[in-house]
């Protein structure tokens, strides 16, 4: 496997790429090729994990969406339990800013 990898690494040096993303794709393709030469198909299959910043933003969007939903239901008078509304009132200073502005 080391010999195959060395051969591929020598070949990669002669392939021109425009940017780092293209270089990464080339290296990934080369590693997949070497893995397939040795029947390591399982090693190439993996769950693609999103970057941490993207996961954080998506979680923030979900959280804010839930909070807006709760506040809109409160505005319509559809909420029985006021515990979560009280937490959001403290978090966003709703009494000072106003419910519509916070939403």
C-alpha atoms as a PDB file:
ATOM      1  CA  UNK A   1       0.000   0.000   0.000  1.00  0.00           C
ATOM      2  CA  UNK A   2       2.880   2.360   0.767  1.00  0.00           C
ATOM      3  CA  UNK A   3       4.320   1.815  -2.700  1.00  0.00           C
ATOM      4  CA  UNK A   4       0.992   2.618  -4.366  1.00  0.00           C
ATOM      5  CA  UNK A   5       0.649   5.712  -2.214  1.00  0.00           C
ATOM      6  CA  UNK A   6       4.150   6.881  -3.153  1.00  0.00           C
ATOM      7  CA  UNK A   7       3.380   6.433  -6.844  1.00  0.00           C
ATOM      8  CA  UNK A   8       0.144   8.390  -6.521  1.00  0.00           C
ATOM      9  CA  UNK A   9       1.853  11.145  -4.512  1.00  0.00           C
ATOM     10  CA  UNK A  10       4.492  11.542  -7.248  1.00  0.00           C
ATOM     11  CA  UNK A  11       1.773  11.775  -9.888  1.00  0.00           C
ATOM     12  CA  UNK A  12      -0.247  14.316  -7.883  1.00  0.00           C
ATOM     13  CA  UNK A  13       2.723  16.701  -7.771  1.00  0.00           C
ATOM     14  CA  UNK A  14       2.441  17.150 -11.550  1.00  0.00           C
ATOM     15  CA  UNK A  15      -1.293  17.942 -11.580  1.00  0.00           C
ATOM     16  CA  UNK A  16      -2.023  21.674 -11.568  1.00  0.00           C
ATOM     17  CA  UNK A  17      -4.866  22.894  -9.360  1.00  0.00           C
ATOM     18  CA  UNK A  18      -6.400  26.373  -9.126  1.00  0.00           C
ATOM     19  CA  UNK A  19      -7.177  26.508  -5.407  1.00  0.00           C
ATOM     20  CA  UNK A  20      -7.047  24.579  -2.143  1.00  0.00           C
ATOM     21  CA  UNK A  21     -10.491  23.034  -2.656  1.00  0.00           C
ATOM     22  CA  UNK A  22      -9.435  21.564  -5.968  1.00  0.00           C
ATOM     23  CA  UNK A  23      -6.240  20.247  -4.332  1.00  0.00           C
ATOM     24  CA  UNK A  24      -8.273  18.648  -1.535  1.00  0.00           C
ATOM     25  CA  UNK A  25     -10.594  17.004  -4.060  1.00  0.00           C
ATOM     26  CA  UNK A  26      -7.603  15.652  -5.973  1.00  0.00           C
ATOM     27  CA  UNK A  27      -6.056  14.185  -2.819  1.00  0.00           C
ATOM     28  CA  UNK A  28      -9.385  12.656  -1.779  1.00  0.00           C
ATOM     29  CA  UNK A  29      -9.844  11.093  -5.220  1.00  0.00           C
ATOM     30  CA  UNK A  30      -6.330   9.684  -5.083  1.00  0.00           C
ATOM     31  CA  UNK A  31      -6.913   8.189  -1.628  1.00  0.00           C
ATOM     32  CA  UNK A  32     -10.163   6.597  -2.808  1.00  0.00           C
ATOM     33  CA  UNK A  33      -8.352   5.123  -5.813  1.00  0.00           C
ATOM     34  CA  UNK A  34      -5.614   3.618  -3.612  1.00  0.00           C
ATOM     35  CA  UNK A  35      -8.205   2.251  -1.168  1.00  0.00           C
ATOM     36  CA  UNK A  36     -10.136   0.608  -4.001  1.00  0.00           C
ATOM     37  CA  UNK A  37      -6.956  -1.004  -5.326  1.00  0.00           C
ATOM     38  CA  UNK A  38      -6.760  -2.880  -2.035  1.00  0.00           C
ATOM     39  CA  UNK A  39     -10.462  -3.589  -1.699  1.00  0.00           C
ATOM     40  CA  UNK A  40     -11.026  -1.071   1.088  1.00  0.00           C
ATOM     41  CA  UNK A  41     -14.367   0.205  -0.164  1.00  0.00           C
ATOM     42  CA  UNK A  42     -15.780   0.288   3.364  1.00  0.00           C
ATOM     43  CA  UNK A  43     -13.153   2.802   4.451  1.00  0.00           C
ATOM     44  CA  UNK A  44     -14.351   5.321   1.888  1.00  0.00           C
ATOM     45  CA  UNK A  45     -17.984   5.224   2.926  1.00  0.00           C
ATOM     46  CA  UNK A  46     -18.616   7.445   5.851  1.00  0.00           C
ATOM     47  CA  UNK A  47     -21.151   9.838   7.127  1.00  0.00           C
ATOM     48  CA  UNK A  48     -20.308  13.298   5.911  1.00  0.00           C
ATOM     49  CA  UNK A  49     -20.076  15.625   8.881  1.00  0.00           C
ATOM     50  CA  UNK A  50     -20.893  19.267   8.328  1.00  0.00           C
ATOM     51  CA  UNK A  51     -18.364  21.860   9.539  1.00  0.00           C
ATOM     52  CA  UNK A  52     -18.775  22.977  13.165  1.00  0.00           C
ATOM     53  CA  UNK A  53     -19.733  26.528  12.194  1.00  0.00           C
ATOM     54  CA  UNK A  54     -22.516  25.295   9.928  1.00  0.00           C
ATOM     55  CA  UNK A  55     -23.887  22.937  12.593  1.00  0.00           C
ATOM     56  CA  UNK A  56     -23.791  25.776  15.156  1.00  0.00           C
ATOM     57  CA  UNK A  57     -25.686  28.154  12.877  1.00  0.00           C
ATOM     58  CA  UNK A  58     -28.294  25.509  12.033  1.00  0.00           C
ATOM     59  CA  UNK A  59     -28.834  24.780  15.742  1.00  0.00           C
ATOM     60  CA  UNK A  60     -29.174  28.517  16.449  1.00  0.00           C
ATOM     61  CA  UNK A  61     -31.783  28.806  13.695  1.00  0.00           C
ATOM     62  CA  UNK A  62     -33.767  25.891  15.160  1.00  0.00           C
ATOM     63  CA  UNK A  63     -33.597  27.353  18.681  1.00  0.00           C
ATOM     64  CA  UNK A  64     -34.624  30.848  17.597  1.00  0.00           C
ATOM     65  CA  UNK A  65     -37.442  29.440  15.473  1.00  0.00           C
ATOM     66  CA  UNK A  66     -38.790  27.533  18.503  1.00  0.00           C
ATOM     67  CA  UNK A  67     -38.585  30.655  20.646  1.00  0.00           C
ATOM     68  CA  UNK A  68     -40.364  32.812  18.056  1.00  0.00           C
ATOM     69  CA  UNK A  69     -43.067  30.148  17.778  1.00  0.00           C
ATOM     70  CA  UNK A  70     -43.605  30.243  21.564  1.00  0.00           C
ATOM     71  CA  UNK A  71     -43.761  34.050  21.576  1.00  0.00           C
ATOM     72  CA  UNK A  72     -46.213  34.142  18.672  1.00  0.00           C
ATOM     73  CA  UNK A  73     -48.447  31.624  20.455  1.00  0.00           C
ATOM     74  CA  UNK A  74     -48.224  33.784  23.598  1.00  0.00           C
ATOM     75  CA  UNK A  75     -49.239  36.834  21.562  1.00  0.00           C
ATOM     76  CA  UNK A  76     -52.321  34.955  20.323  1.00  0.00           C
ATOM     77  CA  UNK A  77     -53.065  33.734  23.869  1.00  0.00           C
ATOM     78  CA  UNK A  78     -52.652  30.039  23.056  1.00  0.00           C
ATOM     79  CA  UNK A  79     -50.109  29.144  25.767  1.00  0.00           C
ATOM     80  CA  UNK A  80     -51.253  27.607  29.048  1.00  0.00           C
ATOM     81  CA  UNK A  81     -47.868  27.107  30.722  1.00  0.00           C
ATOM     82  CA  UNK A  82     -46.124  30.443  31.278  1.00  0.00           C
ATOM     83  CA  UNK A  83     -42.774  29.051  32.476  1.00  0.00           C
ATOM     84  CA  UNK A  84     -41.071  29.132  29.077  1.00  0.00           C
ATOM     85  CA  UNK A  85     -42.595  32.531  28.285  1.00  0.00           C
ATOM     86  CA  UNK A  86     -41.166  33.922  31.541  1.00  0.00           C
ATOM     87  CA  UNK A  87     -37.717  32.590  30.610  1.00  0.00           C
ATOM     88  CA  UNK A  88     -37.945  34.247  27.205  1.00  0.00           C
ATOM     89  CA  UNK A  89     -39.197  37.501  28.768  1.00  0.00           C
ATOM     90  CA  UNK A  90     -36.089  37.598  30.946  1.00  0.00           C
ATOM     91  CA  UNK A  91     -33.771  36.540  28.125  1.00  0.00           C
ATOM     92  CA  UNK A  92     -34.972  39.129  25.594  1.00  0.00           C
ATOM     93  CA  UNK A  93     -36.232  41.904  27.971  1.00  0.00           C
ATOM     94  CA  UNK A  94     -39.681  41.689  26.400  1.00  0.00           C
ATOM     95  CA  UNK A  95     -41.317  44.054  28.919  1.00  0.00           C
ATOM     96  CA  UNK A  96     -38.908  46.809  27.977  1.00  0.00           C
ATOM     97  CA  UNK A  97     -38.699  46.173  24.197  1.00  0.00           C
ATOM     98  CA  UNK A  98     -42.182  44.897  23.513  1.00  0.00           C
ATOM     99  CA  UNK A  99     -43.304  41.490  22.278  1.00  0.00           C
ATOM    100  CA  UNK A 100     -43.736  42.498  18.625  1.00  0.00           C
ATOM    101  CA  UNK A 101     -40.211  43.949  18.419  1.00  0.00           C
ATOM    102  CA  UNK A 102     -38.632  40.849  19.953  1.00  0.00           C
ATOM    103  CA  UNK A 103     -40.533  38.552  17.564  1.00  0.00           C
END
